[in-house]
Amino acid sequence: MTNPVQQTGEIEVQINKFDVLNKAAEDLPFHIRDYQKPKEPLRMQYRYLDLRFPEMQFNLRTRSWMLMKIREFLIYQANFVDVETPTLFNATPGIARCYRDEGSRPDRQPEFTQLDIEMSFTSTGGIRKLVADMLQYSWPKYLDPLPNVFNEMTYEDAMEKYGSDKPDTRFDFELRNVTQILKPLNVLNQSNFYSTCIIIGSEMNYSSSIRKKLNTFSQESPNVKFLHSKIRSKADWMKNMGGILTDNVVHNLWNFCNLTEGCIVFLAFGPKPQTLSLMGKVRTAYANLLEETGINIRRNEMQMLWVTNFPLFELDEATGKLQTVHHPFTAPHPEDFHLLDDSPLTVRI
């Protein structure tokens, strides 16, 4: 039988004899099929089988193609020299496997592949342009195209608007600072007291299953008070919330946020870092929950973002000691060197 799609489609191979050199087990841990797929732990245990799934093959080939295009751009378009990096000896620049030399965190895996670019006599703008041009050149064709200009946002704005230093800007649900409104609740006079809220339109889903999942966030940060509710009746909502926040605070919150009947309110207050982090997780989780019900929340486009002016240090909640916010191999901002000894938490990178 011929196959016109292939160049060798008219060649027929006739087999007289074959020997099985490496017989596969008759009862495999799982089958390669599109339904009843195994859970991730089992797939990771038998990685050699997992990599046979079509989507995993696609990922491998996409990664290979993109790494090739990155090298192609840097070498032929930007005149770089590709230097292979030993992983267990002295480091040199290149695309290399790396291991984190820092404490473990739930959002950071211990090993990863990173691209080291070493340049001299350059500037922040020069580096950003190189990276943007490189990504434009190596971006997979099956994905939506990248924007011509990458947006820029300070770390402080990212945290206060989105509750994350790596915000998903493809949907709204921005955080609003209501610290001054809830300031009377700061009975302990905490210096870093902060309050923020997210106001959701009345057309969005607020089912019992969604409310149940949102309740789990109250357990993540015991020092942060997290409230969520739907305003079905102004009088009833103000009465119920007044018992928690006081009538005066609720009245001011209503006016400041231009609340209306039907809208959904997410509100949190407590220490600023934990409050913003919690609300960032709530924002993303709620968007995911809505999309699971078939509601389109994220805009179907690629948005790239430079987040600038990261703080160099933050306090470890468990030990109270300084730890790096981004990673330990960043230099302080030249304008903030004088703050290292007396005010390290205000130093930027």
Protein backbone atom coordinates (compact mmCIF):
# COMPACT_ATOMS: atom_id res chain seq x y z
CA MET A 1 0.00 0.00 0.00
CA THR A 2 1.45 3.39 -1.00
CA ASN A 3 1.47 6.49 1.15
CA PRO A 4 1.60 9.64 -1.03
CA VAL A 5 2.25 11.86 2.00
CA GLN A 6 5.75 10.44 2.59
CA GLN A 7 8.73 10.56 0.22
CA THR A 8 9.31 6.85 0.75
CA GLY A 9 5.61 6.05 0.53
CA GLU A 10 6.00 3.88 -2.57
CA ILE A 11 8.61 1.62 -0.98
CA GLU A 12 7.25 -1.61 0.46
CA VAL A 13 9.38 -3.59 2.93
CA GLN A 14 8.68 -7.30 3.11
CA ILE A 15 9.70 -9.07 6.30
CA ASN A 16 10.68 -12.72 6.26
CA LYS A 17 11.68 -12.95 9.91
CA PHE A 18 12.02 -10.78 13.00
CA ASP A 19 13.39 -11.34 16.50
CA VAL A 20 12.12 -9.50 19.60
CA LEU A 21 15.23 -8.27 21.39
CA ASN A 22 13.58 -6.41 24.26
CA LYS A 23 10.07 -7.54 25.05
CA ALA A 24 7.84 -4.97 26.74
CA ALA A 25 5.95 -5.91 29.88
CA GLU A 26 2.46 -7.15 29.17
CA ASP A 27 0.96 -5.18 32.07
CA LEU A 28 2.26 -1.58 31.81
CA PRO A 29 1.72 0.85 34.74
CA PHE A 30 -0.58 2.87 32.45
CA HIS A 31 -1.59 3.10 28.80
CA ILE A 32 -0.76 5.89 26.36
CA ARG A 33 -4.21 7.18 25.47
CA ASP A 34 -6.26 10.38 25.58
CA TYR A 35 -8.73 9.20 28.23
CA GLN A 36 -8.39 7.91 31.80
CA LYS A 37 -4.89 9.34 32.07
CA PRO A 38 -2.92 8.51 35.21
CA LYS A 39 -2.29 11.09 37.91
CA GLU A 40 0.90 13.12 37.78
CA PRO A 41 2.85 11.23 40.54
CA LEU A 42 2.50 7.96 38.60
CA ARG A 43 3.42 9.67 35.33
CA MET A 44 6.54 11.11 36.94
CA GLN A 45 7.49 7.71 38.39
CA TYR A 46 7.38 6.16 34.91
CA ARG A 47 8.71 9.15 33.00
CA TYR A 48 9.88 7.03 30.07
CA LEU A 49 6.25 6.15 29.42
CA ASP A 50 4.90 9.63 30.17
CA LEU A 51 7.12 11.12 27.47
CA ARG A 52 5.26 9.04 24.87
CA PHE A 53 2.07 11.07 25.27
CA PRO A 54 1.57 13.27 22.17
CA GLU A 55 1.47 16.49 24.21
CA MET A 56 4.74 15.60 25.92
CA GLN A 57 6.36 14.88 22.55
CA PHE A 58 5.06 18.23 21.35
CA ASN A 59 6.53 19.98 24.41
CA LEU A 60 9.91 18.34 23.89
CA ARG A 61 10.05 19.40 20.26
CA THR A 62 8.87 22.93 21.03
CA ARG A 63 11.53 23.31 23.71
CA SER A 64 14.19 21.99 21.37
CA TRP A 65 13.12 24.34 18.58
CA MET A 66 13.03 27.38 20.85
CA LEU A 67 16.47 26.71 22.35
CA MET A 68 17.84 26.34 18.82
CA LYS A 69 16.30 29.70 17.81
CA ILE A 70 17.69 31.41 20.92
CA ARG A 71 21.18 30.21 20.12
CA GLU A 72 20.69 31.13 16.47
CA PHE A 73 19.69 34.68 17.37
CA LEU A 74 22.40 35.29 19.94
CA ILE A 75 25.19 33.88 17.76
CA TYR A 76 24.23 35.03 14.26
CA GLN A 77 22.17 38.13 14.99
CA ALA A 78 23.81 39.53 18.14
CA ASN A 79 27.40 38.21 17.72
CA PHE A 80 27.54 36.29 20.99
CA VAL A 81 29.76 33.28 21.64
CA ASP A 82 28.07 30.20 23.08
CA VAL A 83 30.12 28.80 25.98
CA GLU A 84 29.06 25.51 27.55
CA THR A 85 28.61 25.63 31.31
CA PRO A 86 29.99 22.90 33.61
CA THR A 87 27.39 22.23 36.31
CA LEU A 88 29.66 20.98 39.11
CA PHE A 89 32.73 23.15 38.63
CA ASN A 90 33.48 26.80 37.92
CA ALA A 91 30.53 28.47 36.19
CA THR A 92 30.72 30.06 32.74
CA PRO A 93 27.93 31.63 30.66
CA GLY A 94 25.55 29.65 28.44
CA ILE A 95 22.20 27.77 28.43
CA ALA A 96 22.77 25.52 31.42
CA ARG A 97 21.21 23.39 34.11
CA CYS A 98 21.29 25.27 37.42
CA TYR A 99 20.67 24.43 41.06
CA ARG A 100 19.30 26.94 43.53
CA ASP A 101 21.82 27.95 46.19
CA GLU A 102 19.13 29.21 48.56
CA GLY A 103 16.33 28.06 50.81
CA SER A 104 13.49 26.14 49.18
CA ARG A 105 10.18 27.86 48.43
CA PRO A 106 6.89 26.37 47.25
CA ASP A 107 6.92 28.41 44.01
CA ARG A 108 10.55 27.65 43.10
CA GLN A 109 11.84 24.30 41.93
CA PRO A 110 15.36 23.32 43.06
CA GLU A 111 16.76 22.94 39.53
CA PHE A 112 16.02 24.67 36.26
CA THR A 113 17.49 25.66 32.91
CA GLN A 114 18.64 29.23 32.68
CA LEU A 115 20.12 31.43 30.00
CA ASP A 116 23.18 33.39 31.13
CA ILE A 117 23.94 36.47 29.04
CA GLU A 118 27.17 38.27 29.86
CA MET A 119 27.63 41.77 28.42
CA SER A 120 29.87 44.74 29.04
CA PHE A 121 29.43 48.47 28.42
CA THR A 122 25.66 48.12 28.27
CA SER A 123 22.64 49.58 30.05
CA THR A 124 19.30 48.44 31.43
CA GLY A 125 17.65 49.52 28.19
CA GLY A 126 20.21 47.63 26.12
CA ILE A 127 19.61 44.41 28.02
CA ARG A 128 15.83 44.73 27.77
CA LYS A 129 16.00 45.36 24.04
CA LEU A 130 18.23 42.34 23.52
CA VAL A 131 15.92 40.07 25.49
CA ALA A 132 12.79 41.40 23.74
CA ASP A 133 14.36 40.96 20.29
CA MET A 134 15.52 37.47 21.23
CA LEU A 135 12.06 36.42 22.38
CA GLN A 136 10.45 37.88 19.25
CA TYR A 137 12.89 35.86 17.11
CA SER A 138 12.49 32.58 18.99
CA TRP A 139 8.79 32.71 19.89
CA PRO A 140 6.90 29.54 18.78
CA LYS A 141 4.71 30.16 15.74
CA TYR A 142 1.70 28.29 17.12
CA LEU A 143 1.34 30.79 19.98
CA ASP A 144 -0.20 34.24 19.75
CA PRO A 145 2.43 36.80 18.70
CA LEU A 146 4.27 38.87 21.27
CA PRO A 147 3.52 42.61 21.54
CA ASN A 148 6.00 44.97 19.90
CA VAL A 149 6.50 46.80 23.20
CA PHE A 150 6.84 45.07 26.57
CA ASN A 151 5.05 46.88 29.39
CA GLU A 152 6.88 48.01 32.51
CA MET A 153 5.68 48.15 36.12
CA THR A 154 7.40 48.71 39.45
CA TYR A 155 7.40 45.96 42.05
CA GLU A 156 5.37 48.14 44.40
CA ASP A 157 2.67 48.75 41.77
CA ALA A 158 2.55 45.07 40.84
CA MET A 159 2.05 44.03 44.44
CA GLU A 160 -0.53 46.70 45.26
CA LYS A 161 -2.55 46.23 42.04
CA TYR A 162 -2.26 42.47 41.58
CA GLY A 163 -0.84 41.02 44.80
CA SER A 164 2.00 39.36 42.89
CA ASP A 165 5.49 40.21 41.63
CA LYS A 166 4.67 38.20 38.48
CA PRO A 167 1.10 39.33 37.79
CA ASP A 168 -1.17 37.96 35.10
CA THR A 169 -2.25 41.20 33.44
CA ARG A 170 -4.55 39.52 30.90
CA PHE A 171 -7.55 40.10 33.18
CA ASP A 172 -8.66 42.89 35.51
CA PHE A 173 -9.90 42.27 39.08
CA GLU A 174 -7.35 44.82 40.34
CA LEU A 175 -6.78 45.28 44.06
CA ARG A 176 -7.84 48.60 45.63
CA ASN A 177 -6.04 50.11 48.59
CA VAL A 178 -8.58 50.79 51.39
CA THR A 179 -6.11 51.04 54.26
CA GLN A 180 -7.28 54.48 55.30
CA ILE A 181 -10.89 53.29 55.39
CA LEU A 182 -10.10 50.32 57.64
CA LYS A 183 -7.47 52.11 59.72
CA PRO A 184 -9.77 52.22 62.79
CA LEU A 185 -9.52 48.42 62.91
CA ASN A 186 -5.76 48.59 63.48
CA VAL A 187 -6.20 48.37 67.23
CA LEU A 188 -2.68 47.02 67.70
CA ASN A 189 -1.20 50.02 65.85
CA GLN A 190 0.77 47.82 63.49
CA SER A 191 3.20 49.90 61.46
CA ASN A 192 2.66 47.75 58.36
CA PHE A 193 -1.14 47.46 58.65
CA TYR A 194 -2.74 47.28 55.22
CA SER A 195 -6.14 46.64 53.73
CA THR A 196 -7.13 45.96 50.15
CA CYS A 197 -10.23 44.82 48.30
CA ILE A 198 -11.40 43.49 44.92
CA ILE A 199 -14.81 44.51 43.61
CA ILE A 200 -16.40 42.07 41.14
CA GLY A 201 -19.35 42.88 38.90
CA SER A 202 -22.78 41.40 39.58
CA GLU A 203 -22.68 39.29 36.40
CA MET A 204 -19.96 37.01 37.79
CA ASN A 205 -20.56 33.60 39.38
CA TYR A 206 -20.58 33.33 43.19
CA SER A 207 -21.91 29.81 43.67
CA SER A 208 -21.70 27.78 46.87
CA SER A 209 -18.85 25.67 45.44
CA ILE A 210 -16.84 28.81 44.67
CA ARG A 211 -17.53 30.24 48.14
CA LYS A 212 -16.38 26.98 49.71
CA LYS A 213 -13.08 27.08 47.84
CA LEU A 214 -12.56 30.76 48.70
CA ASN A 215 -13.01 29.95 52.40
CA THR A 216 -9.81 27.89 52.33
CA PHE A 217 -7.76 31.07 51.87
CA SER A 218 -8.66 32.18 55.40
CA GLN A 219 -6.52 29.31 56.70
CA GLU A 220 -3.41 30.18 54.66
CA SER A 221 -2.52 33.41 56.49
CA PRO A 222 -3.74 33.37 60.10
CA ASN A 223 -2.55 36.96 60.62
CA VAL A 224 -4.77 38.23 57.79
CA LYS A 225 -8.53 38.67 58.03
CA PHE A 226 -10.17 37.69 54.72
CA LEU A 227 -13.85 38.36 54.01
CA HIS A 228 -15.90 37.74 50.88
CA SER A 229 -19.56 38.39 50.24
CA LYS A 230 -22.17 39.27 47.61
CA ILE A 231 -24.29 42.37 48.20
CA ARG A 232 -27.82 41.13 47.63
CA SER A 233 -29.35 43.90 49.73
CA LYS A 234 -27.52 47.07 50.80
CA ALA A 235 -29.26 47.22 54.18
CA ASP A 236 -28.62 43.56 55.01
CA TRP A 237 -25.00 43.67 53.80
CA MET A 238 -24.17 46.82 55.78
CA LYS A 239 -25.77 45.34 58.88
CA ASN A 240 -23.88 42.04 58.61
CA MET A 241 -20.53 43.63 57.74
CA GLY A 242 -21.04 46.32 60.37
CA GLY A 243 -20.97 43.64 63.03
CA ILE A 244 -17.46 42.76 61.86
CA LEU A 245 -15.99 46.06 60.67
CA THR A 246 -18.17 48.62 62.57
CA ASP A 247 -20.95 50.64 60.96
CA ASN A 248 -18.76 53.66 60.30
CA VAL A 249 -16.10 51.66 58.44
CA VAL A 250 -18.72 49.87 56.33
CA HIS A 251 -20.42 53.16 55.44
CA ASN A 252 -17.11 54.71 54.36
CA LEU A 253 -16.16 51.58 52.42
CA TRP A 254 -19.47 51.64 50.54
CA ASN A 255 -18.98 55.24 49.45
CA PHE A 256 -15.25 55.01 48.70
CA CYS A 257 -15.60 51.91 46.48
CA ASN A 258 -18.89 52.98 44.89
CA LEU A 259 -20.45 49.67 45.85
CA THR A 260 -23.81 48.64 44.44
CA GLU A 261 -26.25 45.85 45.08
CA GLY A 262 -25.30 42.69 43.24
CA CYS A 263 -21.53 43.15 43.26
CA ILE A 264 -19.11 40.77 44.98
CA VAL A 265 -16.60 42.06 47.54
CA PHE A 266 -13.30 40.44 48.52
CA LEU A 267 -11.69 42.23 51.46
CA ALA A 268 -8.53 41.55 53.47
CA PHE A 269 -6.58 43.39 56.16
CA GLY A 270 -3.53 42.68 58.26
CA PRO A 271 0.27 42.91 57.80
CA LYS A 272 0.94 44.36 54.35
CA PRO A 273 3.12 41.61 52.79
CA GLN A 274 0.82 38.77 53.85
CA THR A 275 -2.34 40.70 52.97
CA LEU A 276 -1.19 41.50 49.43
CA SER A 277 0.11 37.99 48.84
CA LEU A 278 -3.17 36.44 50.00
CA MET A 279 -5.28 38.72 47.81
CA GLY A 280 -3.05 37.99 44.83
CA LYS A 281 -3.79 34.30 45.27
CA VAL A 282 -7.51 35.01 45.69
CA ARG A 283 -7.53 37.07 42.49
CA THR A 284 -5.93 34.30 40.42
CA ALA A 285 -7.91 31.50 42.04
CA TYR A 286 -11.24 33.24 41.45
CA ALA A 287 -10.39 33.84 37.78
CA ASN A 288 -9.49 30.14 37.44
CA LEU A 289 -12.72 29.08 39.12
CA LEU A 290 -14.78 31.24 36.78
CA GLU A 291 -13.00 29.88 33.72
CA GLU A 292 -13.66 26.33 34.93
CA THR A 293 -17.37 27.16 34.65
CA GLY A 294 -16.94 28.30 31.05
CA ILE A 295 -16.67 32.06 31.61
CA ASN A 296 -13.87 33.72 29.63
CA ILE A 297 -11.88 35.94 31.96
CA ARG A 298 -8.41 36.20 30.46
CA ARG A 299 -7.91 38.11 27.24
CA ASN A 300 -6.67 35.86 24.45
CA GLU A 301 -3.33 37.60 23.92
CA MET A 302 0.26 37.53 25.04
CA GLN A 303 1.26 40.24 27.52
CA MET A 304 4.89 40.67 28.51
CA LEU A 305 5.87 42.69 31.56
CA TRP A 306 9.11 44.01 33.01
CA VAL A 307 8.79 44.29 36.80
CA THR A 308 11.33 46.81 38.09
CA ASN A 309 12.68 48.07 41.41
CA PHE A 310 12.39 44.80 43.30
CA PRO A 311 13.36 45.10 46.97
CA LEU A 312 16.66 43.41 47.71
CA PHE A 313 15.56 41.91 51.05
CA GLU A 314 12.46 40.83 52.93
CA LEU A 315 11.92 39.35 56.38
CA ASP A 316 11.56 35.60 56.71
CA GLU A 317 8.27 35.08 58.58
CA ALA A 318 9.59 32.04 60.45
CA THR A 319 12.99 33.34 61.57
CA GLY A 320 12.60 37.11 61.35
CA LYS A 321 15.90 37.29 59.45
CA LEU A 322 16.61 38.94 56.13
CA GLN A 323 16.27 36.87 52.98
CA THR A 324 16.55 37.80 49.32
CA VAL A 325 13.34 38.64 47.48
CA HIS A 326 14.46 37.88 43.92
CA HIS A 327 17.62 35.77 44.27
CA PRO A 328 20.90 36.13 46.19
CA PHE A 329 23.03 37.11 43.18
CA THR A 330 21.63 40.59 42.58
CA ALA A 331 23.42 43.85 43.34
CA PRO A 332 21.77 46.72 45.23
CA HIS A 333 20.50 49.69 43.25
CA PRO A 334 23.34 52.24 42.99
CA GLU A 335 21.18 54.89 44.64
CA ASP A 336 20.45 52.66 47.65
CA PHE A 337 23.92 51.57 48.78
CA HIS A 338 23.82 53.95 51.74
CA LEU A 339 20.69 52.19 53.06
CA LEU A 340 22.24 48.74 53.41
CA ASP A 341 23.34 49.09 57.03
CA ASP A 342 20.50 51.08 58.59
CA SER A 343 17.48 50.36 56.37
CA PRO A 344 18.08 47.14 54.37
CA LEU A 345 14.37 46.50 53.72
CA THR A 346 14.13 49.68 51.64
CA VAL A 347 17.04 48.75 49.32
CA ARG A 348 16.06 48.08 45.71
CA ILE A 349 17.83 46.03 43.06
